[in-house]
Protein backbone atom coordinates (compact mmCIF):
# COMPACT_ATOMS: atom_id res chain seq x y z
CA MET A 1 92.73 133.84 135.48
CA ARG A 2 91.38 130.31 135.61
CA PRO A 3 89.64 128.97 132.50
CA PRO A 4 85.86 128.66 132.75
CA ILE A 5 84.51 125.33 133.98
CA ASP A 6 82.23 123.39 131.67
CA ASP A 7 79.28 122.76 133.96
CA ARG A 8 76.89 121.09 131.50
CA ALA A 9 77.04 117.87 133.54
CA THR A 10 76.08 119.73 136.71
CA THR A 11 73.28 121.54 134.89
CA ILE A 12 71.87 118.20 133.73
CA LEU A 13 71.82 117.00 137.35
CA ARG A 14 70.17 120.20 138.53
CA ASP A 15 67.48 119.92 135.85
CA ASN A 16 66.75 116.21 136.34
CA LEU A 17 67.37 115.49 140.01
CA PRO A 18 65.56 118.05 142.19
CA GLU A 19 66.24 116.10 145.40
CA PHE A 20 69.98 116.71 144.88
CA GLU A 21 69.59 120.52 144.73
CA GLY A 22 70.26 121.04 148.45
CA ARG A 23 73.54 119.18 148.21
CA LEU A 24 74.49 121.20 145.12
CA LEU A 25 73.86 124.41 147.03
CA ASP A 26 75.99 123.16 149.94
CA LEU A 27 78.81 122.28 147.53
CA SER A 28 78.49 125.68 145.87
CA ASP A 29 78.78 127.40 149.25
CA LEU A 30 81.82 125.30 150.12
CA TYR A 31 83.70 125.46 146.79
CA GLY A 32 82.41 128.70 145.26
CA GLU A 33 83.74 129.25 141.75
CA ASP A 34 86.06 126.26 142.16
CA LEU A 35 83.15 123.80 142.10
CA THR A 36 83.74 121.32 139.28
CA PRO A 37 81.61 118.51 137.86
CA GLN A 38 84.13 116.07 139.32
CA VAL A 39 83.37 117.27 142.86
CA VAL A 40 79.63 117.23 142.18
CA PHE A 41 79.70 113.67 140.83
CA ASN A 42 81.80 112.45 143.75
CA ASP A 43 79.07 113.79 146.03
CA LEU A 44 76.39 112.26 143.80
CA ALA A 45 78.04 108.86 144.36
CA GLU A 46 77.79 109.42 148.11
CA PHE A 47 74.14 110.49 147.71
CA ALA A 48 73.31 107.36 145.68
CA SER A 49 75.13 105.15 148.20
CA GLU A 50 73.07 106.64 151.02
CA LEU A 51 69.85 106.00 149.08
CA LEU A 52 70.88 102.39 148.48
CA ALA A 53 71.92 101.85 152.10
CA GLU A 54 68.58 103.19 153.33
CA GLY A 55 66.73 100.94 150.87
CA GLU A 56 64.25 103.69 150.15
CA ASP A 57 63.21 106.01 147.35
CA GLU A 58 63.65 103.88 144.28
CA GLY A 59 62.38 106.81 142.23
CA SER A 60 65.39 108.91 143.24
CA LEU A 61 67.76 106.12 142.19
CA GLU A 62 66.00 105.88 138.85
CA ARG A 63 66.38 109.65 138.38
CA VAL A 64 70.08 109.49 139.36
CA CYS A 65 70.71 106.86 136.69
CA ALA A 66 68.60 108.68 134.09
CA ALA A 67 70.64 111.84 134.73
CA LEU A 68 73.89 109.84 134.46
CA GLU A 69 72.75 108.59 131.07
CA LEU A 70 72.05 112.13 129.88
CA VAL A 71 75.49 113.26 131.07
CA ALA A 72 77.16 110.33 129.32
CA LEU A 73 75.38 111.27 126.10
CA GLU A 74 76.16 115.01 126.32
CA PRO A 75 78.70 115.78 123.58
CA GLY A 76 81.91 117.41 124.71
CA ALA A 77 81.13 117.45 128.44
CA ASP A 78 83.56 114.63 129.32
CA GLY A 79 80.49 112.70 130.36
CA THR A 80 82.22 109.36 130.05
CA GLY A 81 85.03 110.35 132.42
CA VAL A 82 82.72 112.04 134.91
CA VAL A 83 80.33 109.08 135.00
CA ALA A 84 83.10 106.46 135.09
CA PHE A 85 85.64 107.93 137.46
CA CYS A 86 83.77 110.52 139.49
CA PHE A 87 80.61 108.50 140.04
CA LEU A 88 80.90 104.76 139.35
CA ASP A 89 84.45 104.47 140.66
CA GLN A 90 83.47 106.25 143.88
CA LEU A 91 80.66 103.86 144.80
CA PRO A 92 81.37 101.32 147.53
CA PRO A 93 81.13 97.69 146.33
CA PHE A 94 77.63 97.11 147.77
CA ALA A 95 76.30 100.22 146.00
CA LEU A 96 78.03 99.40 142.72
CA GLU A 97 76.38 95.98 142.61
CA ALA A 98 72.98 97.32 143.66
CA ILE A 99 72.94 100.19 141.18
CA ARG A 100 73.68 97.97 138.16
CA SER A 101 69.99 97.13 137.77
CA TYR A 102 69.16 100.85 137.43
CA LEU A 103 71.78 101.73 134.80
CA HIS A 104 70.78 102.69 131.28
CA PRO A 105 72.55 101.33 128.16
CA VAL A 106 75.38 103.86 127.83
CA THR A 107 76.23 103.96 131.53
CA GLU A 108 76.04 100.17 131.65
CA THR A 109 78.54 100.03 128.78
CA ILE A 110 80.79 102.52 130.57
CA LEU A 111 80.76 100.33 133.67
CA GLU A 112 81.57 97.23 131.61
CA LEU A 113 84.53 99.01 130.00
CA VAL A 114 85.76 100.24 133.38
CA ASP A 115 85.48 96.70 134.79
CA GLN A 116 87.56 95.42 131.87
CA ASP A 117 90.03 98.33 132.10
CA LEU A 118 89.23 99.27 128.50
CA LEU A 119 88.01 102.82 128.93
CA TYR A 120 91.30 104.55 128.23
CA GLU A 121 93.82 104.02 125.48
CA ASP A 122 97.58 104.05 126.12
CA ASP A 123 97.74 107.82 125.63
CA GLY A 124 95.14 108.41 128.37
CA GLU A 125 92.42 109.58 126.00
CA THR A 126 88.88 108.30 126.52
CA THR A 127 88.07 105.61 124.01
CA LEU A 128 84.33 105.48 124.60
CA LEU A 129 82.01 107.69 122.67
CA SER A 130 78.38 106.74 123.12
CA PHE A 131 77.97 105.94 119.45
CA ASP A 132 81.26 103.99 119.08
CA HIS A 133 80.29 100.89 121.05
CA PRO A 134 77.22 98.67 120.80
CA PHE A 135 75.04 98.77 123.87
CA PRO A 136 73.94 95.51 125.52
CA SER A 137 70.38 96.05 124.25
CA GLN A 138 71.69 96.38 120.67
CA ILE A 139 73.74 93.20 120.98
CA THR A 140 70.70 91.27 122.29
CA ALA A 141 68.53 92.55 119.45
CA GLN A 142 71.13 91.53 116.85
CA ASP A 143 71.47 88.07 118.36
CA GLU A 144 67.72 87.50 118.04
CA ASP A 145 67.67 88.21 114.27
């Protein structure tokens, strides 16, 4: 018997991104009980890329990034890995550049660490916990004091 899948990340998307529900249902039909957050976030990257390519529905992009932030902050849900490698790493270059302006502090920090290849330690464990690293907004506020 396969261990249960932790689907907190998928639940966060379902609760905060209603326009993605149809795609979630399609994925559920396709994968059944084998649907994982990794698959869902790969598809979310495609969804966000399509929104960016169409140049429409800025509200949906804002909700995508708000949901990513909630996932990244969810304790124990491997939010950092899901956001970094199943979403951000799957975006085509044009979408990655365009979505930067929508990212929230934790997801922005995750992207910076991925860009610098600092997200994982030598043993493969995630180094980033949302409260371990200063966010860009915290650094700016400290510099102003």
